[in-house]
N, C-alpha and C. Protein backbone atom coordinates (compact mmCIF):
# COMPACT_ATOMS: atom_id res chain seq x y z
N GLN A 1 -7.74 8.59 24.97
CA GLN A 1 -9.21 9.05 25.16
C GLN A 1 -9.36 9.73 23.61
N VAL A 2 -10.86 9.83 23.23
CA VAL A 2 -11.28 10.66 22.13
C VAL A 2 -12.60 11.28 22.54
N GLN A 3 -12.48 12.47 21.99
CA GLN A 3 -13.54 13.63 22.45
C GLN A 3 -14.30 13.64 21.23
N LEU A 4 -15.60 13.96 21.32
CA LEU A 4 -16.62 13.93 20.23
C LEU A 4 -17.45 15.22 20.63
N ARG A 5 -17.76 15.72 19.44
CA ARG A 5 -18.87 16.95 19.67
C ARG A 5 -19.67 16.97 18.47
N GLU A 6 -21.04 16.77 18.69
CA GLU A 6 -22.03 16.82 17.64
C GLU A 6 -22.53 18.18 17.48
N SER A 7 -23.02 18.47 16.31
CA SER A 7 -23.24 19.71 16.02
C SER A 7 -24.54 19.30 14.66
N GLY A 8 -25.37 20.36 14.49
CA GLY A 8 -25.93 20.35 13.41
C GLY A 8 -27.68 20.07 13.69
N GLY A 9 -27.95 19.76 14.79
CA GLY A 9 -29.19 19.69 15.45
C GLY A 9 -30.16 20.92 15.27
N GLY A 10 -31.56 20.77 15.42
CA GLY A 10 -32.57 21.74 15.42
C GLY A 10 -33.80 21.57 14.96
N LEU A 11 -34.54 22.46 14.93
CA LEU A 11 -35.86 22.27 14.71
C LEU A 11 -36.30 22.35 13.26
N VAL A 12 -37.06 21.31 12.76
CA VAL A 12 -37.31 21.06 11.41
C VAL A 12 -38.65 20.82 11.34
N GLN A 13 -39.47 21.16 10.16
CA GLN A 13 -40.98 20.56 10.09
C GLN A 13 -40.80 19.16 9.36
N ALA A 14 -41.86 18.62 9.57
CA ALA A 14 -41.93 17.28 8.97
C ALA A 14 -41.72 17.11 7.38
N GLY A 15 -41.07 16.09 7.04
CA GLY A 15 -40.56 16.29 5.60
C GLY A 15 -39.14 16.77 5.43
N GLY A 16 -38.58 17.44 6.41
CA GLY A 16 -37.47 18.43 6.17
C GLY A 16 -36.26 17.44 6.44
N SER A 17 -34.97 18.16 6.14
CA SER A 17 -33.92 17.54 6.35
C SER A 17 -32.97 18.15 7.25
N LEU A 18 -31.87 17.27 7.87
CA LEU A 18 -30.98 17.78 8.55
C LEU A 18 -29.76 17.19 8.32
N ARG A 19 -28.34 17.89 8.60
CA ARG A 19 -27.24 17.09 8.42
C ARG A 19 -26.49 17.34 9.75
N LEU A 20 -26.15 16.22 10.54
CA LEU A 20 -25.54 16.16 11.76
C LEU A 20 -24.05 15.84 11.52
N SER A 21 -23.07 16.61 12.19
CA SER A 21 -21.71 16.28 12.22
C SER A 21 -21.32 15.88 13.46
N CYS A 22 -20.19 15.06 13.53
CA CYS A 22 -19.57 14.64 14.72
C CYS A 22 -18.23 15.10 14.37
N ALA A 23 -17.69 15.82 15.16
CA ALA A 23 -16.07 16.15 15.21
C ALA A 23 -15.16 15.42 16.41
N ALA A 24 -14.32 14.76 16.08
CA ALA A 24 -13.74 13.96 16.88
C ALA A 24 -12.26 14.60 17.19
N SER A 25 -11.62 14.20 18.34
CA SER A 25 -10.05 14.70 18.73
C SER A 25 -9.63 13.70 19.64
N GLY A 26 -8.47 13.59 19.59
CA GLY A 26 -7.75 12.81 20.70
C GLY A 26 -7.10 11.55 19.58
N ARG A 27 -7.39 10.42 20.38
CA ARG A 27 -6.62 9.25 19.69
C ARG A 27 -7.05 8.83 18.15
N THR A 28 -6.41 8.11 17.47
CA THR A 28 -6.43 7.75 16.01
C THR A 28 -7.90 7.65 15.68
N PHE A 29 -8.49 8.63 15.09
CA PHE A 29 -9.90 8.74 14.67
C PHE A 29 -10.19 7.54 13.77
N SER A 30 -9.30 7.59 12.65
CA SER A 30 -9.54 6.78 11.45
C SER A 30 -9.47 5.30 11.75
N SER A 31 -9.23 4.60 12.89
CA SER A 31 -9.10 3.38 13.33
C SER A 31 -10.24 2.62 13.93
N TYR A 32 -11.38 3.61 13.95
CA TYR A 32 -12.58 3.10 14.57
C TYR A 32 -13.64 3.29 14.03
N ALA A 33 -14.74 2.12 14.05
CA ALA A 33 -15.95 2.03 13.86
C ALA A 33 -16.89 3.36 14.72
N MET A 34 -17.64 4.09 13.85
CA MET A 34 -18.58 5.06 14.60
C MET A 34 -19.94 4.90 14.40
N ALA A 35 -20.96 5.50 15.12
CA ALA A 35 -22.22 5.27 15.10
C ALA A 35 -22.92 6.50 15.78
N TRP A 36 -23.98 6.62 15.10
CA TRP A 36 -24.95 7.69 15.97
C TRP A 36 -26.41 6.97 16.45
N PHE A 37 -26.42 7.28 17.83
CA PHE A 37 -27.64 6.81 18.39
C PHE A 37 -28.77 7.76 18.58
N ARG A 38 -29.83 7.52 19.08
CA ARG A 38 -30.94 8.60 19.55
C ARG A 38 -31.54 8.33 20.70
N GLN A 39 -31.95 9.25 21.32
CA GLN A 39 -32.76 8.97 22.65
C GLN A 39 -33.76 9.83 22.77
N ALA A 40 -35.10 9.44 22.58
CA ALA A 40 -36.31 10.13 22.99
C ALA A 40 -36.58 10.32 24.17
N PRO A 41 -37.37 11.19 24.76
CA PRO A 41 -37.71 11.10 26.21
C PRO A 41 -38.45 10.09 26.73
N GLY A 42 -38.19 9.19 27.79
CA GLY A 42 -38.92 8.26 28.50
C GLY A 42 -38.49 6.85 27.46
N LYS A 43 -37.60 6.99 26.37
CA LYS A 43 -37.37 5.95 25.69
C LYS A 43 -35.77 5.49 26.01
N GLU A 44 -35.22 4.15 25.76
CA GLU A 44 -34.08 3.76 25.68
C GLU A 44 -33.35 4.46 24.52
N ARG A 45 -31.89 4.58 24.63
CA ARG A 45 -31.11 5.09 23.60
C ARG A 45 -30.91 3.93 22.49
N GLU A 46 -31.26 4.25 21.12
CA GLU A 46 -31.22 3.14 20.25
C GLU A 46 -30.40 3.61 18.97
N PHE A 47 -30.06 2.57 18.31
CA PHE A 47 -28.95 2.66 17.17
C PHE A 47 -29.77 3.50 15.97
N VAL A 48 -28.99 4.24 15.50
CA VAL A 48 -29.70 4.89 14.22
C VAL A 48 -28.67 4.43 12.78
N VAL A 49 -27.43 4.77 12.96
CA VAL A 49 -26.75 4.27 11.58
C VAL A 49 -24.99 4.38 12.24
N GLY A 50 -24.46 3.27 11.61
CA GLY A 50 -22.86 3.37 11.79
C GLY A 50 -21.97 3.43 10.65
N ILE A 51 -20.62 3.23 10.69
CA ILE A 51 -19.83 3.22 9.61
C ILE A 51 -18.64 2.59 10.07
N ASN A 52 -17.99 1.85 9.29
CA ASN A 52 -16.69 1.41 9.85
C ASN A 52 -15.59 2.23 9.72
N TRP A 53 -14.38 1.94 9.94
CA TRP A 53 -13.42 2.70 10.02
C TRP A 53 -12.87 3.30 8.48
N SER A 54 -13.00 2.48 7.37
CA SER A 54 -12.64 3.04 6.23
C SER A 54 -13.92 3.66 5.45
N GLY A 55 -15.27 3.56 6.13
CA GLY A 55 -16.57 3.96 5.27
C GLY A 55 -16.95 3.17 4.25
N ALA A 56 -16.45 1.81 4.23
CA ALA A 56 -16.86 0.88 3.28
C ALA A 56 -17.81 -0.09 3.70
N ASN A 57 -17.99 0.03 5.16
CA ASN A 57 -19.17 -0.93 5.50
C ASN A 57 -20.09 0.23 6.49
N THR A 58 -21.44 0.05 6.21
CA THR A 58 -22.53 1.11 6.96
C THR A 58 -23.48 -0.04 7.44
N ASN A 59 -24.07 0.59 8.41
CA ASN A 59 -25.32 -0.09 8.87
C ASN A 59 -26.44 0.70 9.38
N TYR A 60 -27.56 0.64 9.07
CA TYR A 60 -28.67 1.43 9.10
C TYR A 60 -29.60 0.54 10.02
N ALA A 61 -30.47 1.53 10.84
CA ALA A 61 -31.55 1.13 11.34
C ALA A 61 -32.64 0.97 10.38
N ASP A 62 -33.65 -0.14 10.62
CA ASP A 62 -34.63 -0.14 9.66
C ASP A 62 -35.56 0.99 9.65
N SER A 63 -35.64 1.81 10.66
CA SER A 63 -36.53 3.18 10.61
C SER A 63 -35.76 4.10 9.75
N MET A 64 -34.53 4.05 9.45
CA MET A 64 -33.65 4.95 8.80
C MET A 64 -33.47 4.59 7.35
N LYS A 65 -33.54 3.51 7.11
CA LYS A 65 -33.11 2.91 5.82
C LYS A 65 -33.73 3.82 4.46
N GLY A 66 -33.12 4.19 3.71
CA GLY A 66 -33.81 5.26 2.42
C GLY A 66 -34.10 6.65 2.89
N ARG A 67 -33.73 6.83 4.27
CA ARG A 67 -33.91 8.45 4.66
C ARG A 67 -32.67 8.83 5.10
N CYS A 68 -31.58 8.24 5.17
CA CYS A 68 -30.59 8.53 5.95
C CYS A 68 -29.06 8.15 5.12
N THR A 69 -28.04 8.88 5.40
CA THR A 69 -26.92 8.40 4.61
C THR A 69 -25.69 8.99 5.52
N ILE A 70 -24.85 8.02 6.16
CA ILE A 70 -23.59 8.34 6.82
C ILE A 70 -22.35 8.11 6.12
N THR A 71 -21.44 9.30 6.25
CA THR A 71 -20.10 9.35 5.82
C THR A 71 -19.16 9.68 6.72
N ARG A 72 -17.96 9.52 6.41
CA ARG A 72 -16.86 10.12 7.15
C ARG A 72 -15.68 10.63 6.35
N ASP A 73 -15.05 11.51 7.03
CA ASP A 73 -13.73 11.97 6.47
C ASP A 73 -12.75 11.98 7.66
N ASN A 74 -11.89 11.02 7.33
CA ASN A 74 -10.89 10.78 8.30
C ASN A 74 -10.00 11.63 8.53
N ALA A 75 -9.76 12.72 7.26
CA ALA A 75 -8.65 13.46 7.37
C ALA A 75 -9.05 14.68 8.17
N GLU A 76 -10.60 14.97 8.02
CA GLU A 76 -11.02 15.87 9.10
C GLU A 76 -11.53 15.22 10.36
N LYS A 77 -11.37 14.11 10.56
CA LYS A 77 -11.88 13.28 11.70
C LYS A 77 -13.36 13.82 12.10
N THR A 78 -14.24 13.64 10.99
CA THR A 78 -15.37 14.24 10.99
C THR A 78 -16.29 13.14 10.59
N VAL A 79 -17.38 12.64 11.27
CA VAL A 79 -18.62 11.66 10.65
C VAL A 79 -19.81 12.76 10.37
N TYR A 80 -20.59 12.45 9.38
CA TYR A 80 -21.71 13.32 8.86
C TYR A 80 -22.75 12.31 8.88
N VAL A 81 -24.15 12.68 9.10
CA VAL A 81 -25.32 11.93 8.69
C VAL A 81 -26.13 12.83 8.22
N GLN A 82 -26.71 12.34 7.26
CA GLN A 82 -27.72 13.50 6.37
C GLN A 82 -29.01 12.74 6.73
N MET A 83 -30.00 13.57 7.14
CA MET A 83 -31.24 12.71 7.24
C MET A 83 -32.35 13.42 6.63
N ASN A 84 -33.31 12.78 5.87
CA ASN A 84 -34.21 13.44 5.01
C ASN A 84 -35.59 12.69 5.38
N SER A 85 -36.45 13.53 4.67
CA SER A 85 -37.96 12.94 5.16
C SER A 85 -38.09 12.83 6.78
N LEU A 86 -37.75 13.74 7.54
CA LEU A 86 -37.74 13.52 8.79
C LEU A 86 -39.39 13.52 9.38
N GLN A 87 -39.81 12.83 10.48
CA GLN A 87 -41.07 12.79 10.87
C GLN A 87 -40.91 13.15 12.54
N PRO A 88 -42.08 13.45 12.87
CA PRO A 88 -42.15 13.66 14.42
C PRO A 88 -41.45 12.68 15.17
N GLU A 89 -41.65 11.59 14.76
CA GLU A 89 -41.16 10.47 15.66
C GLU A 89 -39.61 10.13 15.80
N ASP A 90 -39.10 10.97 14.86
CA ASP A 90 -37.57 11.27 14.86
C ASP A 90 -36.94 12.10 15.96
N THR A 91 -37.93 12.96 16.48
CA THR A 91 -37.58 13.82 17.56
C THR A 91 -36.55 12.99 18.78
N ALA A 92 -35.46 13.37 18.87
CA ALA A 92 -34.54 13.03 19.87
C ALA A 92 -33.55 13.68 20.05
N VAL A 93 -32.70 13.42 21.35
CA VAL A 93 -31.23 13.90 21.23
C VAL A 93 -30.44 12.76 20.33
N TYR A 94 -29.61 13.29 19.43
CA TYR A 94 -28.72 12.19 18.79
C TYR A 94 -27.24 12.51 18.97
N TYR A 95 -26.84 11.20 19.65
CA TYR A 95 -25.45 11.14 20.01
C TYR A 95 -24.65 10.36 19.02
N CYS A 96 -23.43 10.80 19.02
CA CYS A 96 -22.44 10.33 18.27
C CYS A 96 -21.49 9.51 19.26
N ALA A 97 -20.90 8.30 18.71
CA ALA A 97 -20.24 7.56 19.45
C ALA A 97 -19.07 6.62 18.62
N VAL A 98 -18.10 6.35 19.35
CA VAL A 98 -16.97 5.46 19.09
C VAL A 98 -16.90 4.10 19.67
N ASP A 99 -16.68 3.00 18.63
CA ASP A 99 -16.43 1.70 19.27
C ASP A 99 -14.96 1.64 18.96
N SER A 100 -14.32 1.63 20.07
CA SER A 100 -12.68 1.53 19.98
C SER A 100 -12.09 0.00 19.88
N ARG A 101 -13.04 -1.04 20.08
CA ARG A 101 -12.66 -2.26 20.00
C ARG A 101 -12.87 -3.13 18.46
N LYS A 102 -13.58 -2.09 17.66
CA LYS A 102 -13.99 -2.62 16.33
C LYS A 102 -13.69 -1.70 15.08
N ARG A 103 -13.01 -2.34 14.16
CA ARG A 103 -12.81 -1.43 12.79
C ARG A 103 -13.70 -2.02 11.87
N TRP A 104 -13.75 -2.84 11.59
CA TRP A 104 -14.61 -3.68 10.00
C TRP A 104 -16.08 -3.61 10.40
N SER A 105 -16.41 -4.19 11.43
CA SER A 105 -17.88 -4.11 11.77
C SER A 105 -18.57 -3.26 12.47
N VAL A 106 -19.99 -3.06 12.23
CA VAL A 106 -20.45 -1.77 13.01
C VAL A 106 -21.56 -2.53 13.80
N GLU A 107 -21.61 -2.24 15.08
CA GLU A 107 -22.26 -2.98 16.13
C GLU A 107 -23.65 -2.01 16.37
N VAL A 108 -24.64 -2.60 16.68
CA VAL A 108 -25.98 -1.80 17.01
C VAL A 108 -26.15 -1.81 18.52
N ASP A 109 -25.36 -2.49 19.44
CA ASP A 109 -25.60 -2.69 20.81
C ASP A 109 -24.98 -1.27 21.37
N VAL A 110 -25.62 -0.55 21.94
CA VAL A 110 -25.31 0.56 22.62
C VAL A 110 -24.09 0.33 23.78
N ASN A 111 -24.01 -0.76 24.32
CA ASN A 111 -23.10 -1.12 25.17
C ASN A 111 -21.62 -1.42 24.32
N GLN A 112 -21.75 -1.49 23.26
CA GLN A 112 -20.42 -1.72 22.58
C GLN A 112 -19.47 -0.48 22.41
N TYR A 113 -20.13 0.61 22.67
CA TYR A 113 -19.54 1.80 22.22
C TYR A 113 -18.97 2.58 23.49
N ASP A 114 -17.75 2.86 23.52
CA ASP A 114 -17.08 3.33 24.79
C ASP A 114 -16.65 4.85 24.63
N TYR A 115 -17.01 5.72 23.68
CA TYR A 115 -16.95 6.91 23.91
C TYR A 115 -18.11 7.62 23.25
N TRP A 116 -18.59 8.70 23.83
CA TRP A 116 -19.76 9.34 23.53
C TRP A 116 -19.70 11.03 23.37
N GLY A 117 -20.55 11.45 22.53
CA GLY A 117 -20.64 13.03 22.68
C GLY A 117 -21.78 13.61 23.51
N GLN A 118 -22.01 14.76 23.43
CA GLN A 118 -22.78 15.33 24.58
C GLN A 118 -24.22 15.31 23.91
N GLY A 119 -24.37 14.90 22.75
CA GLY A 119 -25.64 14.91 22.04
C GLY A 119 -26.20 16.26 21.36
N THR A 120 -26.83 16.16 20.36
CA THR A 120 -27.48 17.40 19.80
C THR A 120 -28.98 17.32 19.57
N GLN A 121 -29.82 18.04 19.94
CA GLN A 121 -31.29 17.73 19.93
C GLN A 121 -31.83 18.02 18.35
N VAL A 122 -32.68 17.12 18.09
CA VAL A 122 -33.24 16.95 16.79
C VAL A 122 -34.91 17.18 17.00
N THR A 123 -35.58 18.31 16.83
CA THR A 123 -37.10 18.29 17.03
C THR A 123 -37.73 18.61 15.59
N VAL A 124 -38.73 17.66 15.28
CA VAL A 124 -39.44 17.53 14.15
C VAL A 124 -40.74 18.04 14.27
N SER A 125 -41.61 19.05 13.79
CA SER A 125 -42.89 19.42 14.02
C SER A 125 -43.61 18.89 12.96
N SER A 126 -44.75 18.50 13.53
CA SER A 126 -45.85 18.13 12.64
C SER A 126 -46.46 19.51 11.79
């Protein structure tokens, strides 16, 4: 089992920045690809950014390219995402997820991920 806990969400003005963290416990954290998804009210959960087990391979949603950086610290069992130039349309609950079946690649399909955190709210005001 893997337990995930997100933190770092909050209220920010348009153009502002946030750094989200996802702390993991349980099974070998460093073995798996991880990702962030988000879900706005009335919308489906969508891929934001992901990183493979070593940090060498990352994948960004088109909407986040140039505004977002994902990193991981396997010693601390934590994944970070730095989000800049946030806009009201970025408002959503952000979830951290683990893909225990993949190490090298980063999948964008929500159904690929088998462990999820509870989410952290990000609200961007205009």
